[in-house]
PDB file of N, CA and C in Angstrom:
ATOM      1  N   MET A   1     -20.486  -3.845 140.483  1.00  0.00           N
ATOM      2  CA  MET A   1     -20.356  -2.803 141.470  1.00  0.00           C
ATOM      3  C   MET A   1     -20.377  -3.435 142.858  1.00  0.00           C
ATOM      4  N   ARG A   2     -19.490  -3.038 143.698  1.00  0.00           N
ATOM      5  CA  ARG A   2     -19.432  -3.567 145.057  1.00  0.00           C
ATOM      6  C   ARG A   2     -20.164  -2.629 145.998  1.00  0.00           C
ATOM      7  N   THR A   3     -20.874  -3.224 146.945  1.00  0.00           N
ATOM      8  CA  THR A   3     -21.561  -2.449 147.970  1.00  0.00           C
ATOM      9  C   THR A   3     -21.733  -3.335 149.198  1.00  0.00           C
ATOM     10  N   THR A   4     -22.141  -2.745 150.288  1.00  0.00           N
ATOM     11  CA  THR A   4     -22.380  -3.495 151.517  1.00  0.00           C
ATOM     12  C   THR A   4     -23.858  -3.446 151.841  1.00  0.00           C
ATOM     13  N   LEU A   5     -24.442  -4.610 152.087  1.00  0.00           N
ATOM     14  CA  LEU A   5     -25.859  -4.709 152.440  1.00  0.00           C
ATOM     15  C   LEU A   5     -25.995  -5.493 153.734  1.00  0.00           C
ATOM     16  N   SER A   6     -27.018  -5.175 154.493  1.00  0.00           N
ATOM     17  CA  SER A   6     -27.360  -5.972 155.673  1.00  0.00           C
ATOM     18  C   SER A   6     -28.525  -6.866 155.287  1.00  0.00           C
ATOM     19  N   LEU A   7     -28.298  -8.176 155.304  1.00  0.00           N
ATOM     20  CA  LEU A   7     -29.330  -9.144 154.938  1.00  0.00           C
ATOM     21  C   LEU A   7     -29.680  -9.987 156.153  1.00  0.00           C
ATOM     22  N   ASP A   8     -30.931 -10.403 156.217  1.00  0.00           N
ATOM     23  CA  ASP A   8     -31.328 -11.342 157.260  1.00  0.00           C
ATOM     24  C   ASP A   8     -30.587 -12.653 157.033  1.00  0.00           C
ATOM     25  N   ASP A   9     -30.291 -13.350 158.123  1.00  0.00           N
ATOM     26  CA  ASP A   9     -29.522 -14.594 158.036  1.00  0.00           C
ATOM     27  C   ASP A   9     -30.168 -15.621 157.114  1.00  0.00           C
ATOM     28  N   ASP A  10     -31.508 -15.748 157.187  1.00  0.00           N
ATOM     29  CA  ASP A  10     -32.179 -16.754 156.363  1.00  0.00           C
ATOM     30  C   ASP A  10     -32.084 -16.422 154.879  1.00  0.00           C
ATOM     31  N   ILE A  11     -32.095 -15.127 154.545  1.00  0.00           N
ATOM     32  CA  ILE A  11     -31.972 -14.703 153.147  1.00  0.00           C
ATOM     33  C   ILE A  11     -30.564 -15.006 152.639  1.00  0.00           C
ATOM     34  N   LEU A  12     -29.573 -14.662 153.424  1.00  0.00           N
ATOM     35  CA  LEU A  12     -28.189 -14.919 153.019  1.00  0.00           C
ATOM     36  C   LEU A  12     -27.953 -16.417 152.829  1.00  0.00           C
ATOM     37  N   PHE A  13     -28.466 -17.229 153.745  1.00  0.00           N
ATOM     38  CA  PHE A  13     -28.318 -18.677 153.628  1.00  0.00           C
ATOM     39  C   PHE A  13     -28.966 -19.179 152.341  1.00  0.00           C
ATOM     40  N   ALA A  14     -30.192 -18.719 152.053  1.00  0.00           N
ATOM     41  CA  ALA A  14     -30.911 -19.174 150.854  1.00  0.00           C
ATOM     42  C   ALA A  14     -30.172 -18.760 149.585  1.00  0.00           C
ATOM     43  N   VAL A  15     -29.659 -17.538 149.556  1.00  0.00           N
ATOM     44  CA  VAL A  15     -28.927 -17.053 148.380  1.00  0.00           C
ATOM     45  C   VAL A  15     -27.644 -17.864 148.183  1.00  0.00           C
ATOM     46  N   LYS A  16     -26.914 -18.095 149.260  1.00  0.00           N
ATOM     47  CA  LYS A  16     -25.669 -18.868 149.145  1.00  0.00           C
ATOM     48  C   LYS A  16     -25.947 -20.308 148.715  1.00  0.00           C
ATOM     49  N   GLU A  17     -27.015 -20.891 149.240  1.00  0.00           N
ATOM     50  CA  GLU A  17     -27.365 -22.262 148.868  1.00  0.00           C
ATOM     51  C   GLU A  17     -27.741 -22.334 147.392  1.00  0.00           C
ATOM     52  N   ARG A  18     -28.515 -21.374 146.937  1.00  0.00           N
ATOM     53  CA  ARG A  18     -28.904 -21.355 145.518  1.00  0.00           C
ATOM     54  C   ARG A  18     -27.680 -21.139 144.634  1.00  0.00           C
ATOM     55  N   ALA A  19     -26.798 -20.254 145.051  1.00  0.00           N
ATOM     56  CA  ALA A  19     -25.573 -19.998 144.286  1.00  0.00           C
ATOM     57  C   ALA A  19     -24.729 -21.267 144.188  1.00  0.00           C
ATOM     58  N   ARG A  20     -24.642 -22.009 145.284  1.00  0.00           N
ATOM     59  CA  ARG A  20     -23.876 -23.256 145.276  1.00  0.00           C
ATOM     60  C   ARG A  20     -24.492 -24.266 144.309  1.00  0.00           C
ATOM     61  N   ARG A  21     -25.838 -24.402 144.362  1.00  0.00           N
ATOM     62  CA  ARG A  21     -26.518 -25.360 143.479  1.00  0.00           C
ATOM     63  C   ARG A  21     -26.358 -24.987 142.007  1.00  0.00           C
ATOM     64  N   GLU A  22     -26.356 -23.678 141.716  1.00  0.00           N
ATOM     65  CA  GLU A  22     -26.294 -23.214 140.329  1.00  0.00           C
ATOM     66  C   GLU A  22     -24.870 -22.904 139.875  1.00  0.00           C
ATOM     67  N   ASN A  23     -23.885 -23.145 140.761  1.00  0.00           N
ATOM     68  CA  ASN A  23     -22.483 -22.874 140.448  1.00  0.00           C
ATOM     69  C   ASN A  23     -22.285 -21.419 140.007  1.00  0.00           C
ATOM     70  N   ARG A  24     -22.840 -20.515 140.798  1.00  0.00           N
ATOM     71  CA  ARG A  24     -22.737 -19.069 140.536  1.00  0.00           C
ATOM     72  C   ARG A  24     -22.342 -18.377 141.828  1.00  0.00           C
ATOM     73  N   THR A  25     -22.066 -17.093 141.746  1.00  0.00           N
ATOM     74  CA  THR A  25     -21.758 -16.343 142.959  1.00  0.00           C
ATOM     75  C   THR A  25     -23.056 -15.876 143.609  1.00  0.00           C
ATOM     76  N   ALA A  26     -22.968 -15.599 144.911  1.00  0.00           N
ATOM     77  CA  ALA A  26     -24.136 -15.087 145.630  1.00  0.00           C
ATOM     78  C   ALA A  26     -24.567 -13.745 145.038  1.00  0.00           C
ATOM     79  N   GLY A  27     -23.615 -12.932 144.624  1.00  0.00           N
ATOM     80  CA  GLY A  27     -23.940 -11.643 144.017  1.00  0.00           C
ATOM     81  C   GLY A  27     -24.729 -11.795 142.726  1.00  0.00           C
ATOM     82  N   GLN A  28     -24.353 -12.779 141.913  1.00  0.00           N
ATOM     83  CA  GLN A  28     -25.087 -13.022 140.664  1.00  0.00           C
ATOM     84  C   GLN A  28     -26.518 -13.465 140.954  1.00  0.00           C
ATOM     85  N   VAL A  29     -26.673 -14.366 141.909  1.00  0.00           N
ATOM     86  CA  VAL A  29     -28.009 -14.856 142.260  1.00  0.00           C
ATOM     87  C   VAL A  29     -28.858 -13.722 142.807  1.00  0.00           C
ATOM     88  N   LEU A  30     -28.311 -12.950 143.738  1.00  0.00           N
ATOM     89  CA  LEU A  30     -29.061 -11.850 144.337  1.00  0.00           C
ATOM     90  C   LEU A  30     -29.409 -10.787 143.307  1.00  0.00           C
ATOM     91  N   SER A  31     -28.506 -10.499 142.393  1.00  0.00           N
ATOM     92  CA  SER A  31     -28.791  -9.525 141.330  1.00  0.00           C
ATOM     93  C   SER A  31     -29.934  -9.999 140.449  1.00  0.00           C
ATOM     94  N   ASP A  32     -29.914 -11.276 140.065  1.00  0.00           N
ATOM     95  CA  ASP A  32     -30.996 -11.815 139.235  1.00  0.00           C
ATOM     96  C   ASP A  32     -32.332 -11.777 139.959  1.00  0.00           C
ATOM     97  N   LEU A  33     -32.332 -12.150 141.236  1.00  0.00           N
ATOM     98  CA  LEU A  33     -33.576 -12.137 142.006  1.00  0.00           C
ATOM     99  C   LEU A  33     -34.119 -10.717 142.163  1.00  0.00           C
ATOM    100  N   ALA A  34     -33.245  -9.771 142.442  1.00  0.00           N
ATOM    101  CA  ALA A  34     -33.678  -8.379 142.579  1.00  0.00           C
ATOM    102  C   ALA A  34     -34.195  -7.847 141.246  1.00  0.00           C
ATOM    103  N   ARG A  35     -33.505  -8.179 140.168  1.00  0.00           N
ATOM    104  CA  ARG A  35     -33.929  -7.733 138.840  1.00  0.00           C
ATOM    105  C   ARG A  35     -35.319  -8.275 138.506  1.00  0.00           C
ATOM    106  N   GLN A  36     -35.545  -9.554 138.779  1.00  0.00           N
ATOM    107  CA  GLN A  36     -36.861 -10.153 138.525  1.00  0.00           C
ATOM    108  C   GLN A  36     -37.941  -9.471 139.350  1.00  0.00           C
ATOM    109  N   ALA A  37     -37.663  -9.238 140.608  1.00  0.00           N
ATOM    110  CA  ALA A  37     -38.660  -8.623 141.492  1.00  0.00           C
ATOM    111  C   ALA A  37     -38.968  -7.191 141.074  1.00  0.00           C
ATOM    112  N   LEU A  38     -37.966  -6.479 140.594  1.00  0.00           N
ATOM    113  CA  LEU A  38     -38.168  -5.077 140.230  1.00  0.00           C
ATOM    114  C   LEU A  38     -38.784  -4.902 138.849  1.00  0.00           C
ATOM    115  N   THR A  39     -38.567  -5.855 137.952  1.00  0.00           N
ATOM    116  CA  THR A  39     -39.116  -5.713 136.599  1.00  0.00           C
ATOM    117  C   THR A  39     -40.440  -6.430 136.420  1.00  0.00           C
ATOM    118  N   ASN A  40     -40.724  -7.426 137.241  1.00  0.00           N
ATOM    119  CA  ASN A  40     -41.975  -8.181 137.141  1.00  0.00           C
ATOM    120  C   ASN A  40     -42.647  -8.288 138.501  1.00  0.00           C
ATOM    121  N   PRO A  41     -43.013  -7.163 139.096  1.00  0.00           N
ATOM    122  CA  PRO A  41     -43.626  -7.264 140.426  1.00  0.00           C
ATOM    123  C   PRO A  41     -44.955  -8.005 140.355  1.00  0.00           C
ATOM    124  N   GLU A  42     -45.155  -8.908 141.297  1.00  0.00           N
ATOM    125  CA  GLU A  42     -46.409  -9.651 141.355  1.00  0.00           C
ATOM    126  C   GLU A  42     -47.437  -8.804 142.095  1.00  0.00           C
ATOM    127  N   PRO A  43     -48.684  -8.831 141.632  1.00  0.00           N
ATOM    128  CA  PRO A  43     -49.712  -8.071 142.336  1.00  0.00           C
ATOM    129  C   PRO A  43     -49.936  -8.653 143.729  1.00  0.00           C
ATOM    130  N   ALA A  44     -50.352  -7.793 144.643  1.00  0.00           N
ATOM    131  CA  ALA A  44     -50.642  -8.253 145.998  1.00  0.00           C
ATOM    132  C   ALA A  44     -51.746  -9.295 145.951  1.00  0.00           C
ATOM    133  N   SER A  45     -51.583 -10.331 146.716  1.00  0.00           N
ATOM    134  CA  SER A  45     -52.538 -11.432 146.712  1.00  0.00           C
ATOM    135  C   SER A  45     -53.526 -11.275 147.856  1.00  0.00           C
ATOM    136  N   ASP A  46     -54.796 -11.542 147.558  1.00  0.00           N
ATOM    137  CA  ASP A  46     -55.822 -11.533 148.592  1.00  0.00           C
ATOM    138  C   ASP A  46     -56.012 -12.928 149.163  1.00  0.00           C
ATOM    139  N   SER A  47     -55.254 -13.867 148.674  1.00  0.00           N
ATOM    140  CA  SER A  47     -55.401 -15.264 149.059  1.00  0.00           C
ATOM    141  C   SER A  47     -54.984 -15.469 150.511  1.00  0.00           C
ATOM    142  N   THR A  48     -55.670 -16.376 151.177  1.00  0.00           N
ATOM    143  CA  THR A  48     -55.293 -16.737 152.541  1.00  0.00           C
ATOM    144  C   THR A  48     -54.435 -17.994 152.540  1.00  0.00           C
ATOM    145  N   GLU A  49     -54.028 -18.440 151.359  1.00  0.00           N
ATOM    146  CA  GLU A  49     -53.203 -19.634 151.231  1.00  0.00           C
ATOM    147  C   GLU A  49     -51.855 -19.411 151.909  1.00  0.00           C
ATOM    148  N   VAL A  50     -51.397 -20.406 152.637  1.00  0.00           N
ATOM    149  CA  VAL A  50     -50.118 -20.330 153.324  1.00  0.00           C
ATOM    150  C   VAL A  50     -49.007 -20.544 152.302  1.00  0.00           C
ATOM    151  N   PRO A  51     -48.051 -19.615 152.202  1.00  0.00           N
ATOM    152  CA  PRO A  51     -46.970 -19.796 151.227  1.00  0.00           C
ATOM    153  C   PRO A  51     -46.031 -20.914 151.661  1.00  0.00           C
ATOM    154  N   GLY A  52     -45.271 -21.419 150.691  1.00  0.00           N
ATOM    155  CA  GLY A  52     -44.300 -22.459 150.991  1.00  0.00           C
ATOM    156  C   GLY A  52     -43.205 -21.929 151.899  1.00  0.00           C
ATOM    157  N   CYS A  53     -42.561 -22.821 152.585  1.00  0.00           N
ATOM    158  CA  CYS A  53     -41.502 -22.439 153.511  1.00  0.00           C
ATOM    159  C   CYS A  53     -40.260 -23.266 153.204  1.00  0.00           C
ATOM    160  N   HIS A  54     -39.162 -22.601 152.957  1.00  0.00           N
ATOM    161  CA  HIS A  54     -37.896 -23.283 152.683  1.00  0.00           C
ATOM    162  C   HIS A  54     -38.016 -24.276 151.530  1.00  0.00           C
ATOM    163  N   GLY A  55     -38.796 -23.916 150.521  1.00  0.00           N
ATOM    164  CA  GLY A  55     -38.917 -24.753 149.341  1.00  0.00           C
ATOM    165  C   GLY A  55     -39.948 -25.853 149.424  1.00  0.00           C
ATOM    166  N   PHE A  56     -40.665 -25.946 150.530  1.00  0.00           N
ATOM    167  CA  PHE A  56     -41.686 -26.980 150.685  1.00  0.00           C
ATOM    168  C   PHE A  56     -43.060 -26.342 150.685  1.00  0.00           C
ATOM    169  N   GLU A  57     -43.938 -26.846 149.833  1.00  0.00           N
ATOM    170  CA  GLU A  57     -45.314 -26.372 149.812  1.00  0.00           C
ATOM    171  C   GLU A  57     -46.113 -27.150 150.845  1.00  0.00           C
ATOM    172  N   PRO A  58     -47.022 -26.478 151.553  1.00  0.00           N
ATOM    173  CA  PRO A  58     -47.846 -27.201 152.521  1.00  0.00           C
ATOM    174  C   PRO A  58     -48.712 -28.245 151.825  1.00  0.00           C
ATOM    175  N   LEU A  59     -48.952 -29.339 152.505  1.00  0.00           N
ATOM    176  CA  LEU A  59     -49.824 -30.375 151.958  1.00  0.00           C
ATOM    177  C   LEU A  59     -51.275 -29.916 152.060  1.00  0.00           C
ATOM    178  N   PRO A  60     -52.129 -30.368 151.135  1.00  0.00           N
ATOM    179  CA  PRO A  60     -53.534 -29.973 151.202  1.00  0.00           C
ATOM    180  C   PRO A  60     -54.208 -30.592 152.423  1.00  0.00           C
ATOM    181  N   HIS A  61     -55.243 -29.910 152.907  1.00  0.00           N
ATOM    182  CA  HIS A  61     -55.994 -30.386 154.066  1.00  0.00           C
ATOM    183  C   HIS A  61     -56.712 -31.679 153.707  1.00  0.00           C
ATOM    184  N   ARG A  62     -56.550 -32.690 154.536  1.00  0.00           N
ATOM    185  CA  ARG A  62     -57.213 -33.974 154.297  1.00  0.00           C
ATOM    186  C   ARG A  62     -57.810 -34.465 155.608  1.00  0.00           C
ATOM    187  N   GLY A  63     -59.033 -34.105 155.858  1.00  0.00           N
ATOM    188  CA  GLY A  63     -59.730 -34.632 157.027  1.00  0.00           C
ATOM    189  C   GLY A  63     -59.287 -33.996 158.325  1.00  0.00           C
ATOM    190  N   GLU A  64     -59.221 -34.823 159.361  1.00  0.00           N
ATOM    191  CA  GLU A  64     -58.970 -34.376 160.724  1.00  0.00           C
ATOM    192  C   GLU A  64     -57.538 -33.868 160.898  1.00  0.00           C
ATOM    193  N   ALA A  65     -57.411 -32.762 161.636  1.00  0.00           N
ATOM    194  CA  ALA A  65     -56.084 -32.229 161.936  1.00  0.00           C
ATOM    195  C   ALA A  65     -55.394 -33.144 162.941  1.00  0.00           C
ATOM    196  N   VAL A  66     -54.090 -33.258 162.836  1.00  0.00           N
ATOM    197  CA  VAL A  66     -53.335 -34.099 163.759  1.00  0.00           C
ATOM    198  C   VAL A  66     -53.206 -33.362 165.086  1.00  0.00           C
ATOM    199  N   SER A  67     -53.637 -34.002 166.134  1.00  0.00           N
ATOM    200  CA  SER A  67     -53.560 -33.430 167.480  1.00  0.00           C
ATOM    201  C   SER A  67     -52.989 -34.487 168.417  1.00  0.00           C
ATOM    202  N   ASN A  68     -52.665 -34.071 169.633  1.00  0.00           N
ATOM    203  CA  ASN A  68     -52.174 -35.037 170.616  1.00  0.00           C
ATOM    204  C   ASN A  68     -53.236 -36.091 170.906  1.00  0.00           C
ATOM    205  N   ALA A  69     -54.500 -35.672 170.943  1.00  0.00           N
ATOM    206  CA  ALA A  69     -55.589 -36.618 171.201  1.00  0.00           C
ATOM    207  C   ALA A  69     -55.662 -37.668 170.091  1.00  0.00           C
ATOM    208  N   LEU A  70     -55.520 -37.250 168.840  1.00  0.00           N
ATOM    209  CA  LEU A  70     -55.546 -38.196 167.720  1.00  0.00           C
ATOM    210  C   LEU A  70     -54.375 -39.171 167.817  1.00  0.00           C
ATOM    211  N   ILE A  71     -53.208 -38.667 168.125  1.00  0.00           N
ATOM    212  CA  ILE A  71     -52.024 -39.527 168.247  1.00  0.00           C
ATOM    213  C   ILE A  71     -52.221 -40.543 169.366  1.00  0.00           C
ATOM    214  N   ASP A  72     -52.755 -40.081 170.517  1.00  0.00           N
ATOM    215  CA  ASP A  72     -53.022 -41.004 171.629  1.00  0.00           C
ATOM    216  C   ASP A  72     -54.018 -42.083 171.214  1.00  0.00           C
ATOM    217  N   ARG A  73     -55.068 -41.686 170.492  1.00  0.00           N
ATOM    218  CA  ARG A  73     -56.081 -42.637 170.042  1.00  0.00           C
ATOM    219  C   ARG A  73     -55.464 -43.675 169.097  1.00  0.00           C
ATOM    220  N   LEU A  74     -54.610 -43.227 168.188  1.00  0.00           N
ATOM    221  CA  LEU A  74     -53.950 -44.149 167.262  1.00  0.00           C
ATOM    222  C   LEU A  74     -53.019 -45.106 168.001  1.00  0.00           C
ATOM    223  N   ARG A  75     -52.338 -44.598 169.021  1.00  0.00           N
ATOM    224  CA  ARG A  75     -51.447 -45.456 169.810  1.00  0.00           C
ATOM    225  C   ARG A  75     -52.236 -46.536 170.545  1.00  0.00           C
ATOM    226  N   GLU A  76     -53.398 -46.144 171.067  1.00  0.00           N
ATOM    227  CA  GLU A  76     -54.233 -47.107 171.791  1.00  0.00           C
ATOM    228  C   GLU A  76     -54.752 -48.197 170.857  1.00  0.00           C
ATOM    229  N   ASP A  77     -55.058 -47.831 169.611  1.00  0.00           N
ATOM    230  CA  ASP A  77     -55.592 -48.784 168.640  1.00  0.00           C
ATOM    231  C   ASP A  77     -54.519 -49.689 168.043  1.00  0.00           C
ATOM    232  N   GLU A  78     -53.257 -49.310 168.202  1.00  0.00           N
ATOM    233  CA  GLU A  78     -52.152 -50.060 167.600  1.00  0.00           C
ATOM    234  C   GLU A  78     -51.918 -51.364 168.360  1.00  0.00           C
ATOM    235  N   PRO A  79     -51.793 -52.485 167.640  1.00  0.00           N
ATOM    236  CA  PRO A  79     -51.522 -53.752 168.331  1.00  0.00           C
ATOM    237  C   PRO A  79     -50.144 -53.732 168.990  1.00  0.00           C
ATOM    238  N   ALA A  80     -50.030 -54.408 170.113  1.00  0.00           N
ATOM    239  CA  ALA A  80     -48.780 -54.406 170.882  1.00  0.00           C
ATOM    240  C   ALA A  80     -47.705 -55.227 170.257  1.00  0.00           C
TER     241      ALA A  80
END
């Protein structure tokens, strides 16, 4: 069935990229994604975990956060 939808640019890009990787049409990919979301809705999460962005999961926290002060300190300690 043909229809017209208004999609956010980032969604359209992601769907087209996935369709290209899977050698399918954007309509097939979007239909499958919508079907999955509508038949298997995930419960709302109470987690404060930051979701992945553009296919990349955030790295776990390891010690001190990177700041300009830390970078300056590392530069000062670096041999010339």
